[in-house]
Amino acid sequence: MAATPSNPRQNSAGVMPREAWLRKHADYQRVYREGRRQSLPLMTYFFAARTVTAAAAGPRIGLTAGKVLGNAVARNRIKRRMRQAVRQHRLELTTNVDVILHPRRTVLEVEFAQIERDVLRALRAVQAASKMPAKALEADLSHAK
């Protein structure tokens, strides 16, 4: 008989470790200051490469939901939907990069599949951009405008 984990969510594929989320205000500010910004129909996302130690390697993702998105109930629902989409597609990112997803209010009204699609597009774009040399990335982003 197999042993069951003490925490039933421990081995679940949908659970992200704490280290995979951006949590410090200074980290958010660094991404806004040093990173790049791109837009999709349901969100704007910011990303910046980061230097890491061996113990803290891997991508980190953060979410923002300001008061402009609605009352606390609406903001929490937006964050829940976005977090679930991130959990399902976080393995698309393999590089050491910090990403901030800034959803629009329309996230409340659209089907979850559309949220997933936009999160997946954002994560794949960040992954592709993080593999490009800096000069090629600047040229590619300037042509996209």
N, C-alpha and C. Protein backbone atom coordinates (compact mmCIF):
# COMPACT_ATOMS: atom_id res chain seq x y z
N MET A 1 0.84 -1.17 0.00
CA MET A 1 0.00 0.00 0.00
C MET A 1 0.89 1.24 0.00
N ALA A 2 0.60 2.20 -0.89
CA ALA A 2 1.40 3.41 -0.99
C ALA A 2 1.07 4.36 0.14
N ALA A 3 2.11 5.05 0.59
CA ALA A 3 1.90 6.03 1.65
C ALA A 3 1.25 7.28 1.08
N THR A 4 0.33 7.85 1.80
CA THR A 4 -0.33 9.07 1.34
C THR A 4 0.40 10.27 1.93
N PRO A 5 0.56 11.32 1.16
CA PRO A 5 1.24 12.49 1.70
C PRO A 5 0.41 13.14 2.80
N SER A 6 1.10 13.79 3.76
CA SER A 6 0.38 14.44 4.85
C SER A 6 -0.44 15.62 4.35
N ASN A 7 0.04 16.26 3.30
CA ASN A 7 -0.70 17.36 2.69
C ASN A 7 -1.23 16.87 1.35
N PRO A 8 -2.55 16.76 1.17
CA PRO A 8 -3.09 16.19 -0.07
C PRO A 8 -2.75 17.01 -1.31
N ARG A 9 -2.45 18.31 -1.17
CA ARG A 9 -2.11 19.15 -2.32
C ARG A 9 -0.64 19.07 -2.68
N GLN A 10 0.16 18.42 -1.87
CA GLN A 10 1.60 18.42 -2.02
C GLN A 10 2.06 17.90 -3.37
N ASN A 11 1.52 16.83 -3.85
CA ASN A 11 1.96 16.22 -5.10
C ASN A 11 1.08 16.61 -6.28
N SER A 12 0.14 17.49 -6.07
CA SER A 12 -0.75 17.91 -7.14
C SER A 12 0.00 18.74 -8.17
N ALA A 13 -0.28 18.52 -9.44
CA ALA A 13 0.39 19.26 -10.51
C ALA A 13 -0.01 20.73 -10.53
N GLY A 14 -1.15 21.06 -9.96
CA GLY A 14 -1.65 22.42 -10.01
C GLY A 14 -1.09 23.35 -8.94
N VAL A 15 -0.31 22.84 -8.02
CA VAL A 15 0.21 23.64 -6.92
C VAL A 15 1.57 24.20 -7.30
N MET A 16 1.73 25.52 -7.13
CA MET A 16 3.02 26.15 -7.40
C MET A 16 3.72 26.42 -6.08
N PRO A 17 5.02 26.17 -6.02
CA PRO A 17 5.75 26.48 -4.78
C PRO A 17 5.81 27.99 -4.55
N ARG A 18 6.01 28.38 -3.33
CA ARG A 18 6.08 29.81 -2.99
C ARG A 18 7.16 30.53 -3.77
N GLU A 19 8.25 29.84 -4.03
CA GLU A 19 9.37 30.45 -4.73
C GLU A 19 9.04 30.79 -6.18
N ALA A 20 7.95 30.26 -6.71
CA ALA A 20 7.56 30.49 -8.10
C ALA A 20 6.73 31.76 -8.28
N TRP A 21 6.36 32.40 -7.17
CA TRP A 21 5.57 33.62 -7.23
C TRP A 21 6.43 34.82 -6.86
N LEU A 22 6.19 35.95 -7.50
CA LEU A 22 6.81 37.20 -7.08
C LEU A 22 6.07 37.67 -5.84
N ARG A 23 6.79 38.04 -4.78
CA ARG A 23 6.11 38.43 -3.55
C ARG A 23 6.58 39.77 -3.01
N LYS A 24 7.78 40.19 -3.33
CA LYS A 24 8.31 41.41 -2.75
C LYS A 24 8.04 42.63 -3.63
N HIS A 25 7.70 43.73 -3.00
CA HIS A 25 7.44 44.98 -3.71
C HIS A 25 8.66 45.40 -4.53
N ALA A 26 9.84 45.22 -3.99
CA ALA A 26 11.07 45.60 -4.70
C ALA A 26 11.23 44.80 -5.99
N ASP A 27 10.82 43.55 -6.00
CA ASP A 27 10.91 42.73 -7.22
C ASP A 27 9.94 43.25 -8.28
N TYR A 28 8.74 43.61 -7.87
CA TYR A 28 7.78 44.18 -8.81
C TYR A 28 8.34 45.48 -9.40
N GLN A 29 8.88 46.33 -8.54
CA GLN A 29 9.41 47.61 -9.00
C GLN A 29 10.58 47.41 -9.97
N ARG A 30 11.44 46.42 -9.72
CA ARG A 30 12.56 46.14 -10.62
C ARG A 30 12.06 45.70 -11.99
N VAL A 31 11.04 44.87 -12.03
CA VAL A 31 10.51 44.41 -13.31
C VAL A 31 9.89 45.59 -14.07
N TYR A 32 9.15 46.44 -13.38
CA TYR A 32 8.56 47.61 -14.04
C TYR A 32 9.65 48.54 -14.57
N ARG A 33 10.71 48.73 -13.79
CA ARG A 33 11.76 49.66 -14.15
C ARG A 33 12.68 49.12 -15.25
N GLU A 34 13.11 47.87 -15.13
CA GLU A 34 14.11 47.31 -16.03
C GLU A 34 13.52 46.45 -17.15
N GLY A 35 12.29 46.06 -17.01
CA GLY A 35 11.73 45.08 -17.93
C GLY A 35 11.07 45.65 -19.16
N ARG A 36 10.49 44.77 -19.91
CA ARG A 36 9.77 45.11 -21.13
C ARG A 36 8.27 44.94 -20.89
N ARG A 37 7.49 45.64 -21.70
CA ARG A 37 6.02 45.61 -21.56
C ARG A 37 5.41 45.19 -22.88
N GLN A 38 4.43 44.29 -22.81
CA GLN A 38 3.69 43.84 -23.98
C GLN A 38 2.21 43.76 -23.61
N SER A 39 1.34 43.83 -24.61
CA SER A 39 -0.10 43.78 -24.36
C SER A 39 -0.76 42.67 -25.14
N LEU A 40 -1.80 42.14 -24.54
CA LEU A 40 -2.68 41.16 -25.15
C LEU A 40 -4.11 41.64 -24.90
N PRO A 41 -5.11 41.04 -25.56
CA PRO A 41 -6.49 41.52 -25.36
C PRO A 41 -6.97 41.50 -23.91
N LEU A 42 -6.54 40.53 -23.11
CA LEU A 42 -7.03 40.42 -21.74
C LEU A 42 -6.07 40.93 -20.68
N MET A 43 -4.84 41.27 -21.07
CA MET A 43 -3.87 41.66 -20.06
C MET A 43 -2.70 42.40 -20.68
N THR A 44 -1.97 43.06 -19.81
CA THR A 44 -0.66 43.60 -20.15
C THR A 44 0.32 42.80 -19.30
N TYR A 45 1.47 42.47 -19.86
CA TYR A 45 2.45 41.74 -19.07
C TYR A 45 3.81 42.41 -19.18
N PHE A 46 4.55 42.33 -18.09
CA PHE A 46 5.88 42.89 -17.97
C PHE A 46 6.82 41.74 -17.67
N PHE A 47 8.04 41.79 -18.21
CA PHE A 47 8.99 40.74 -17.90
C PHE A 47 10.40 41.28 -17.91
N ALA A 48 11.25 40.68 -17.07
CA ALA A 48 12.64 41.07 -16.98
C ALA A 48 13.46 39.85 -16.57
N ALA A 49 14.63 39.70 -17.18
CA ALA A 49 15.54 38.63 -16.80
C ALA A 49 16.07 38.91 -15.40
N ARG A 50 16.49 37.88 -14.72
CA ARG A 50 17.04 38.07 -13.39
C ARG A 50 18.25 37.19 -13.17
N THR A 51 19.15 37.67 -12.35
CA THR A 51 20.30 36.87 -11.96
C THR A 51 19.90 36.12 -10.71
N VAL A 52 20.25 34.86 -10.67
CA VAL A 52 19.81 34.03 -9.55
C VAL A 52 20.95 33.17 -9.04
N THR A 53 20.76 32.69 -7.85
CA THR A 53 21.67 31.70 -7.29
C THR A 53 21.11 30.32 -7.64
N ALA A 54 21.92 29.31 -7.43
CA ALA A 54 21.48 27.95 -7.75
C ALA A 54 20.26 27.55 -6.93
N ALA A 55 20.15 28.05 -5.72
CA ALA A 55 19.02 27.68 -4.85
C ALA A 55 17.72 28.33 -5.29
N ALA A 56 17.79 29.47 -5.99
CA ALA A 56 16.58 30.21 -6.35
C ALA A 56 16.41 30.31 -7.86
N ALA A 57 16.78 29.28 -8.57
CA ALA A 57 16.68 29.31 -10.03
C ALA A 57 15.24 29.08 -10.47
N GLY A 58 14.96 29.54 -11.69
CA GLY A 58 13.65 29.33 -12.28
C GLY A 58 12.86 30.61 -12.42
N PRO A 59 11.76 30.55 -13.15
CA PRO A 59 10.94 31.74 -13.37
C PRO A 59 10.06 32.05 -12.16
N ARG A 60 9.68 33.32 -12.05
CA ARG A 60 8.72 33.74 -11.02
C ARG A 60 7.64 34.56 -11.70
N ILE A 61 6.41 34.42 -11.22
CA ILE A 61 5.27 35.10 -11.82
C ILE A 61 4.53 35.88 -10.74
N GLY A 62 4.12 37.10 -11.08
CA GLY A 62 3.36 37.92 -10.16
C GLY A 62 2.08 38.40 -10.83
N LEU A 63 1.08 38.71 -10.03
CA LEU A 63 -0.19 39.23 -10.52
C LEU A 63 -0.47 40.56 -9.84
N THR A 64 -1.10 41.46 -10.57
CA THR A 64 -1.57 42.71 -9.98
C THR A 64 -3.05 42.85 -10.27
N ALA A 65 -3.75 43.46 -9.34
CA ALA A 65 -5.18 43.73 -9.53
C ALA A 65 -5.52 44.99 -8.75
N GLY A 66 -5.42 46.11 -9.40
CA GLY A 66 -5.68 47.39 -8.76
C GLY A 66 -7.16 47.67 -8.59
N LYS A 67 -7.46 48.71 -7.83
CA LYS A 67 -8.85 49.06 -7.53
C LYS A 67 -9.64 49.46 -8.77
N VAL A 68 -8.95 49.83 -9.83
CA VAL A 68 -9.63 50.20 -11.07
C VAL A 68 -10.39 49.00 -11.66
N LEU A 69 -10.03 47.79 -11.25
CA LEU A 69 -10.68 46.59 -11.76
C LEU A 69 -12.02 46.31 -11.09
N GLY A 70 -12.31 46.99 -10.00
CA GLY A 70 -13.59 46.77 -9.34
C GLY A 70 -13.43 46.64 -7.85
N ASN A 71 -14.51 46.19 -7.21
CA ASN A 71 -14.47 46.03 -5.75
C ASN A 71 -13.66 44.78 -5.39
N ALA A 72 -13.52 44.52 -4.10
CA ALA A 72 -12.68 43.41 -3.64
C ALA A 72 -13.15 42.07 -4.18
N VAL A 73 -14.44 41.88 -4.28
CA VAL A 73 -14.98 40.61 -4.80
C VAL A 73 -14.54 40.41 -6.25
N ALA A 74 -14.66 41.45 -7.06
CA ALA A 74 -14.27 41.35 -8.47
C ALA A 74 -12.76 41.13 -8.61
N ARG A 75 -11.97 41.88 -7.85
CA ARG A 75 -10.51 41.74 -7.93
C ARG A 75 -10.08 40.34 -7.51
N ASN A 76 -10.68 39.80 -6.45
CA ASN A 76 -10.30 38.46 -6.01
C ASN A 76 -10.70 37.41 -7.03
N ARG A 77 -11.83 37.58 -7.68
CA ARG A 77 -12.25 36.63 -8.71
C ARG A 77 -11.28 36.67 -9.90
N ILE A 78 -10.89 37.87 -10.29
CA ILE A 78 -9.91 38.02 -11.38
C ILE A 78 -8.62 37.32 -11.01
N LYS A 79 -8.15 37.54 -9.79
CA LYS A 79 -6.89 36.91 -9.37
C LYS A 79 -6.99 35.39 -9.32
N ARG A 80 -8.13 34.88 -8.84
CA ARG A 80 -8.31 33.42 -8.80
C ARG A 80 -8.26 32.81 -10.19
N ARG A 81 -8.93 33.46 -11.14
CA ARG A 81 -8.96 32.94 -12.52
C ARG A 81 -7.57 33.01 -13.15
N MET A 82 -6.87 34.11 -12.92
CA MET A 82 -5.52 34.25 -13.48
C MET A 82 -4.55 33.25 -12.85
N ARG A 83 -4.62 33.08 -11.53
CA ARG A 83 -3.71 32.13 -10.86
C ARG A 83 -3.92 30.72 -11.40
N GLN A 84 -5.17 30.34 -11.61
CA GLN A 84 -5.43 28.99 -12.13
C GLN A 84 -4.84 28.82 -13.52
N ALA A 85 -4.99 29.81 -14.37
CA ALA A 85 -4.42 29.73 -15.71
C ALA A 85 -2.90 29.67 -15.66
N VAL A 86 -2.30 30.41 -14.75
CA VAL A 86 -0.84 30.38 -14.59
C VAL A 86 -0.40 29.00 -14.12
N ARG A 87 -1.09 28.44 -13.15
CA ARG A 87 -0.73 27.11 -12.65
C ARG A 87 -0.74 26.07 -13.77
N GLN A 88 -1.72 26.17 -14.65
CA GLN A 88 -1.85 25.17 -15.70
C GLN A 88 -0.80 25.30 -16.78
N HIS A 89 -0.20 26.49 -16.94
CA HIS A 89 0.72 26.69 -18.05
C HIS A 89 2.10 27.18 -17.62
N ARG A 90 2.41 27.13 -16.35
CA ARG A 90 3.68 27.67 -15.87
C ARG A 90 4.89 26.92 -16.39
N LEU A 91 4.73 25.69 -16.81
CA LEU A 91 5.87 24.91 -17.29
C LEU A 91 6.35 25.37 -18.66
N GLU A 92 5.62 26.28 -19.30
CA GLU A 92 6.08 26.87 -20.56
C GLU A 92 7.32 27.72 -20.34
N LEU A 93 7.47 28.25 -19.14
CA LEU A 93 8.64 29.07 -18.80
C LEU A 93 9.72 28.21 -18.18
N THR A 94 10.91 28.28 -18.73
CA THR A 94 12.02 27.52 -18.16
C THR A 94 13.22 28.40 -17.85
N THR A 95 13.21 29.65 -18.29
CA THR A 95 14.35 30.53 -18.08
C THR A 95 14.19 31.32 -16.78
N ASN A 96 15.27 31.94 -16.34
CA ASN A 96 15.26 32.76 -15.13
C ASN A 96 14.73 34.14 -15.48
N VAL A 97 13.44 34.29 -15.33
CA VAL A 97 12.78 35.54 -15.70
C VAL A 97 11.66 35.81 -14.70
N ASP A 98 11.42 37.09 -14.45
CA ASP A 98 10.28 37.50 -13.63
C ASP A 98 9.21 38.06 -14.55
N VAL A 99 7.97 37.65 -14.34
CA VAL A 99 6.85 38.07 -15.19
C VAL A 99 5.75 38.62 -14.28
N ILE A 100 5.19 39.75 -14.68
CA ILE A 100 4.04 40.32 -13.96
C ILE A 100 2.88 40.37 -14.95
N LEU A 101 1.76 39.79 -14.57
CA LEU A 101 0.55 39.82 -15.38
C LEU A 101 -0.39 40.86 -14.80
N HIS A 102 -0.81 41.78 -15.62
CA HIS A 102 -1.71 42.86 -15.20
C HIS A 102 -3.00 42.72 -16.00
N PRO A 103 -4.02 42.03 -15.43
CA PRO A 103 -5.25 41.76 -16.18
C PRO A 103 -6.11 43.00 -16.39
N ARG A 104 -6.96 42.90 -17.39
CA ARG A 104 -7.97 43.93 -17.63
C ARG A 104 -9.30 43.44 -17.04
N ARG A 105 -10.23 44.35 -16.89
CA ARG A 105 -11.52 44.02 -16.28
C ARG A 105 -12.29 42.98 -17.08
N THR A 106 -12.04 42.87 -18.36
CA THR A 106 -12.77 41.91 -19.20
C THR A 106 -12.52 40.46 -18.79
N VAL A 107 -11.50 40.22 -17.97
CA VAL A 107 -11.23 38.86 -17.49
C VAL A 107 -12.43 38.32 -16.73
N LEU A 108 -13.22 39.19 -16.12
CA LEU A 108 -14.41 38.75 -15.38
C LEU A 108 -15.48 38.16 -16.29
N GLU A 109 -15.57 38.64 -17.53
CA GLU A 109 -16.69 38.28 -18.39
C GLU A 109 -16.39 37.20 -19.42
N VAL A 110 -15.13 36.92 -19.68
CA VAL A 110 -14.80 35.98 -20.75
C VAL A 110 -14.74 34.56 -20.23
N GLU A 111 -14.80 33.63 -21.16
CA GLU A 111 -14.67 32.22 -20.82
C GLU A 111 -13.26 31.95 -20.31
N PHE A 112 -13.14 30.96 -19.43
CA PHE A 112 -11.82 30.64 -18.86
C PHE A 112 -10.84 30.20 -19.94
N ALA A 113 -11.31 29.57 -20.99
CA ALA A 113 -10.43 29.13 -22.08
C ALA A 113 -9.72 30.32 -22.73
N GLN A 114 -10.39 31.47 -22.81
CA GLN A 114 -9.75 32.65 -23.38
C GLN A 114 -8.66 33.18 -22.45
N ILE A 115 -8.89 33.12 -21.15
CA ILE A 115 -7.87 33.53 -20.20
C ILE A 115 -6.66 32.62 -20.34
N GLU A 116 -6.91 31.33 -20.40
CA GLU A 116 -5.82 30.37 -20.57
C GLU A 116 -5.02 30.66 -21.83
N ARG A 117 -5.72 30.94 -22.92
CA ARG A 117 -5.07 31.21 -24.19
C ARG A 117 -4.15 32.43 -24.10
N ASP A 118 -4.63 33.49 -23.48
CA ASP A 118 -3.80 34.70 -23.36
C ASP A 118 -2.63 34.49 -22.41
N VAL A 119 -2.83 33.79 -21.31
CA VAL A 119 -1.73 33.50 -20.39
C VAL A 119 -0.68 32.65 -21.10
N LEU A 120 -1.13 31.67 -21.85
CA LEU A 120 -0.20 30.82 -22.59
C LEU A 120 0.57 31.62 -23.62
N ARG A 121 -0.11 32.51 -24.35
CA ARG A 121 0.57 33.37 -25.33
C ARG A 121 1.62 34.25 -24.66
N ALA A 122 1.28 34.80 -23.50
CA ALA A 122 2.22 35.66 -22.78
C ALA A 122 3.44 34.86 -22.32
N LEU A 123 3.22 33.71 -21.74
CA LEU A 123 4.34 32.91 -21.24
C LEU A 123 5.23 32.44 -22.38
N ARG A 124 4.63 32.03 -23.50
CA ARG A 124 5.44 31.61 -24.65
C ARG A 124 6.23 32.77 -25.24
N ALA A 125 5.63 33.95 -25.28
CA ALA A 125 6.32 35.13 -25.79
C ALA A 125 7.50 35.50 -24.89
N VAL A 126 7.30 35.42 -23.59
CA VAL A 126 8.39 35.71 -22.65
C VAL A 126 9.50 34.69 -22.81
N GLN A 127 9.14 33.43 -22.95
CA GLN A 127 10.14 32.37 -23.13
C GLN A 127 10.95 32.60 -24.40
N ALA A 128 10.27 32.94 -25.49
CA ALA A 128 10.96 33.19 -26.75
C ALA A 128 11.84 34.43 -26.66
N ALA A 129 11.33 35.48 -26.03
CA ALA A 129 12.10 36.72 -25.92
C ALA A 129 13.31 36.55 -25.03
N SER A 130 13.21 35.72 -24.02
CA SER A 130 14.34 35.55 -23.10
C SER A 130 15.48 34.76 -23.74
N LYS A 131 15.21 34.08 -24.84
CA LYS A 131 16.26 33.33 -25.54
C LYS A 131 16.93 34.17 -26.62
N MET A 132 16.32 35.33 -26.96
CA MET A 132 16.88 36.19 -27.99
C MET A 132 18.01 37.05 -27.41
N PRO A 133 19.02 37.38 -28.22
CA PRO A 133 20.00 38.36 -27.77
C PRO A 133 19.33 39.71 -27.59
N ALA A 134 19.88 40.57 -26.75
CA ALA A 134 19.24 41.85 -26.40
C ALA A 134 19.00 42.73 -27.62
N LYS A 135 19.96 42.84 -28.53
CA LYS A 135 19.79 43.71 -29.70
C LYS A 135 18.71 43.18 -30.63
N ALA A 136 18.65 41.88 -30.83
CA ALA A 136 17.62 41.29 -31.68
C ALA A 136 16.25 41.47 -31.05
N LEU A 137 16.18 41.38 -29.71
CA LEU A 137 14.92 41.57 -29.01
C LEU A 137 14.42 43.00 -29.19
N GLU A 138 15.30 44.00 -29.06
CA GLU A 138 14.90 45.39 -29.24
C GLU A 138 14.39 45.63 -30.66
N ALA A 139 15.06 45.07 -31.65
CA ALA A 139 14.62 45.24 -33.04
C ALA A 139 13.27 44.57 -33.26
N ASP A 140 13.08 43.38 -32.71
CA ASP A 140 11.84 42.65 -32.87
C ASP A 140 10.68 43.39 -32.21
N LEU A 141 10.91 43.94 -31.02
CA LEU A 141 9.84 44.65 -30.33
C LEU A 141 9.51 45.97 -31.00
N SER A 142 10.50 46.64 -31.58
CA SER A 142 10.22 47.90 -32.24
C SER A 142 9.44 47.69 -33.54
N HIS A 143 9.63 46.56 -34.20
CA HIS A 143 8.85 46.24 -35.41
C HIS A 143 7.43 45.83 -35.07
N ALA A 144 7.21 45.30 -33.87
CA ALA A 144 5.88 44.84 -33.46
C ALA A 144 4.95 46.00 -33.18
N LYS A 145 5.48 47.18 -32.88
CA LYS A 145 4.65 48.34 -32.57
C LYS A 145 4.03 48.85 -33.78
